[in-house]
């Protein structure tokens, strides 16, 4: 009686670990181009954190309320918008 050595004995532990890895491993999402988000409301503003020099902040705040609008207008003018 000859022993058939062409078949490999299966290891149940390795098979279980491979199945577990296949189910629990996060697959990398396909790299899709990300378009900039359009504001939900036209003309809406977005809250951001911005680091500016103290002198610049004091310049825009010296005229009182509305300093954020003045900074926004200056930035728009500088950007050519």
C-alpha atoms as a PDB file:
ATOM      1  CA  UNK A   1       0.000   0.000   0.000  1.00  0.00           C
ATOM      2  CA  UNK A   2       1.576   3.279  -1.121  1.00  0.00           C
ATOM      3  CA  UNK A   3       1.136   6.533   0.780  1.00  0.00           C
ATOM      4  CA  UNK A   4      -0.160   9.380  -1.328  1.00  0.00           C
ATOM      5  CA  UNK A   5       2.138  12.322  -0.520  1.00  0.00           C
ATOM      6  CA  UNK A   6       0.733  14.641  -3.210  1.00  0.00           C
ATOM      7  CA  UNK A   7      -1.970  15.949  -0.867  1.00  0.00           C
ATOM      8  CA  UNK A   8      -0.932  18.193   1.962  1.00  0.00           C
ATOM      9  CA  UNK A   9      -2.641  17.668   5.247  1.00  0.00           C
ATOM     10  CA  UNK A  10      -4.799  20.682   6.094  1.00  0.00           C
ATOM     11  CA  UNK A  11      -4.147  22.520   9.310  1.00  0.00           C
ATOM     12  CA  UNK A  12      -7.479  23.615  10.805  1.00  0.00           C
ATOM     13  CA  UNK A  13      -5.839  26.291  12.937  1.00  0.00           C
ATOM     14  CA  UNK A  14      -4.157  27.960   9.958  1.00  0.00           C
ATOM     15  CA  UNK A  15      -7.394  27.788   7.989  1.00  0.00           C
ATOM     16  CA  UNK A  16      -9.312  29.408  10.870  1.00  0.00           C
ATOM     17  CA  UNK A  17      -6.712  32.159  11.314  1.00  0.00           C
ATOM     18  CA  UNK A  18      -6.752  32.906   7.587  1.00  0.00           C
ATOM     19  CA  UNK A  19     -10.552  33.107   7.598  1.00  0.00           C
ATOM     20  CA  UNK A  20     -10.486  35.381  10.668  1.00  0.00           C
ATOM     21  CA  UNK A  21      -7.898  37.681   9.076  1.00  0.00           C
ATOM     22  CA  UNK A  22      -9.922  37.891   5.868  1.00  0.00           C
ATOM     23  CA  UNK A  23     -13.009  39.026   7.776  1.00  0.00           C
ATOM     24  CA  UNK A  24     -11.393  41.380  10.300  1.00  0.00           C
ATOM     25  CA  UNK A  25      -8.733  43.088   8.180  1.00  0.00           C
ATOM     26  CA  UNK A  26      -9.799  46.539   7.014  1.00  0.00           C
ATOM     27  CA  UNK A  27      -9.387  46.956   3.322  1.00  0.00           C
ATOM     28  CA  UNK A  28      -7.920  50.241   2.123  1.00  0.00           C
ATOM     29  CA  UNK A  29     -10.534  52.313   0.352  1.00  0.00           C
ATOM     30  CA  UNK A  30      -9.912  53.039  -3.285  1.00  0.00           C
ATOM     31  CA  UNK A  31      -8.284  56.399  -3.713  1.00  0.00           C
ATOM     32  CA  UNK A  32     -10.985  58.578  -5.194  1.00  0.00           C
ATOM     33  CA  UNK A  33     -10.360  62.210  -6.002  1.00  0.00           C
ATOM     34  CA  UNK A  34     -11.731  64.407  -3.260  1.00  0.00           C
ATOM     35  CA  UNK A  35     -13.580  67.451  -4.486  1.00  0.00           C
ATOM     36  CA  UNK A  36     -13.782  70.489  -2.221  1.00  0.00           C
ATOM     37  CA  UNK A  37     -17.050  70.608  -0.341  1.00  0.00           C
ATOM     38  CA  UNK A  38     -19.478  73.217  -1.448  1.00  0.00           C
ATOM     39  CA  UNK A  39     -21.143  75.132   1.370  1.00  0.00           C
ATOM     40  CA  UNK A  40     -24.619  73.864   2.184  1.00  0.00           C
ATOM     41  CA  UNK A  41     -25.955  77.404   2.159  1.00  0.00           C
ATOM     42  CA  UNK A  42     -24.654  79.785  -0.509  1.00  0.00           C
ATOM     43  CA  UNK A  43     -22.673  82.613   1.071  1.00  0.00           C
ATOM     44  CA  UNK A  44     -22.409  80.780   4.395  1.00  0.00           C
ATOM     45  CA  UNK A  45     -19.265  81.272   6.400  1.00  0.00           C
ATOM     46  CA  UNK A  46     -17.134  78.591   7.949  1.00  0.00           C
ATOM     47  CA  UNK A  47     -15.576  78.713  11.402  1.00  0.00           C
ATOM     48  CA  UNK A  48     -11.797  78.321  11.281  1.00  0.00           C
ATOM     49  CA  UNK A  49      -8.873  78.837  13.590  1.00  0.00           C
ATOM     50  CA  UNK A  50      -6.269  81.247  12.266  1.00  0.00           C
ATOM     51  CA  UNK A  51      -2.961  82.380  13.753  1.00  0.00           C
ATOM     52  CA  UNK A  52      -2.201  86.020  13.075  1.00  0.00           C
ATOM     53  CA  UNK A  53       0.166  88.501  14.651  1.00  0.00           C
ATOM     54  CA  UNK A  54      -1.112  90.479  17.637  1.00  0.00           C
ATOM     55  CA  UNK A  55      -0.473  93.760  15.775  1.00  0.00           C
ATOM     56  CA  UNK A  56      -2.680  92.644  12.865  1.00  0.00           C
ATOM     57  CA  UNK A  57      -5.467  91.623  15.252  1.00  0.00           C
ATOM     58  CA  UNK A  58      -5.269  94.919  17.130  1.00  0.00           C
ATOM     59  CA  UNK A  59      -5.371  96.856  13.847  1.00  0.00           C
ATOM     60  CA  UNK A  60      -8.669  95.246  12.827  1.00  0.00           C
ATOM     61  CA  UNK A  61     -10.165  95.347  16.346  1.00  0.00           C
ATOM     62  CA  UNK A  62      -9.411  99.044  16.986  1.00  0.00           C
ATOM     63  CA  UNK A  63     -12.584 100.157  15.172  1.00  0.00           C
ATOM     64  CA  UNK A  64     -14.774  97.921  17.323  1.00  0.00           C
ATOM     65  CA  UNK A  65     -17.343  95.298  16.333  1.00  0.00           C
ATOM     66  CA  UNK A  66     -17.163  93.970  12.807  1.00  0.00           C
ATOM     67  CA  UNK A  67     -13.448  93.280  12.924  1.00  0.00           C
ATOM     68  CA  UNK A  68     -13.942  89.759  11.574  1.00  0.00           C
ATOM     69  CA  UNK A  69     -15.831  91.149   8.580  1.00  0.00           C
ATOM     70  CA  UNK A  70     -12.999  93.622   7.990  1.00  0.00           C
ATOM     71  CA  UNK A  71     -10.404  90.837   8.097  1.00  0.00           C
ATOM     72  CA  UNK A  72     -12.542  88.803   5.680  1.00  0.00           C
ATOM     73  CA  UNK A  73     -12.812  91.776   3.280  1.00  0.00           C
ATOM     74  CA  UNK A  74      -9.039  92.367   3.432  1.00  0.00           C
ATOM     75  CA  UNK A  75      -8.331  88.687   2.736  1.00  0.00           C
ATOM     76  CA  UNK A  76     -10.774  88.657  -0.184  1.00  0.00           C
ATOM     77  CA  UNK A  77      -9.114  91.760  -1.643  1.00  0.00           C
ATOM     78  CA  UNK A  78      -5.654  90.243  -1.219  1.00  0.00           C
ATOM     79  CA  UNK A  79      -6.814  87.022  -2.915  1.00  0.00           C
ATOM     80  CA  UNK A  80      -8.421  88.958  -5.752  1.00  0.00           C
ATOM     81  CA  UNK A  81     -11.916  87.691  -5.020  1.00  0.00           C
END
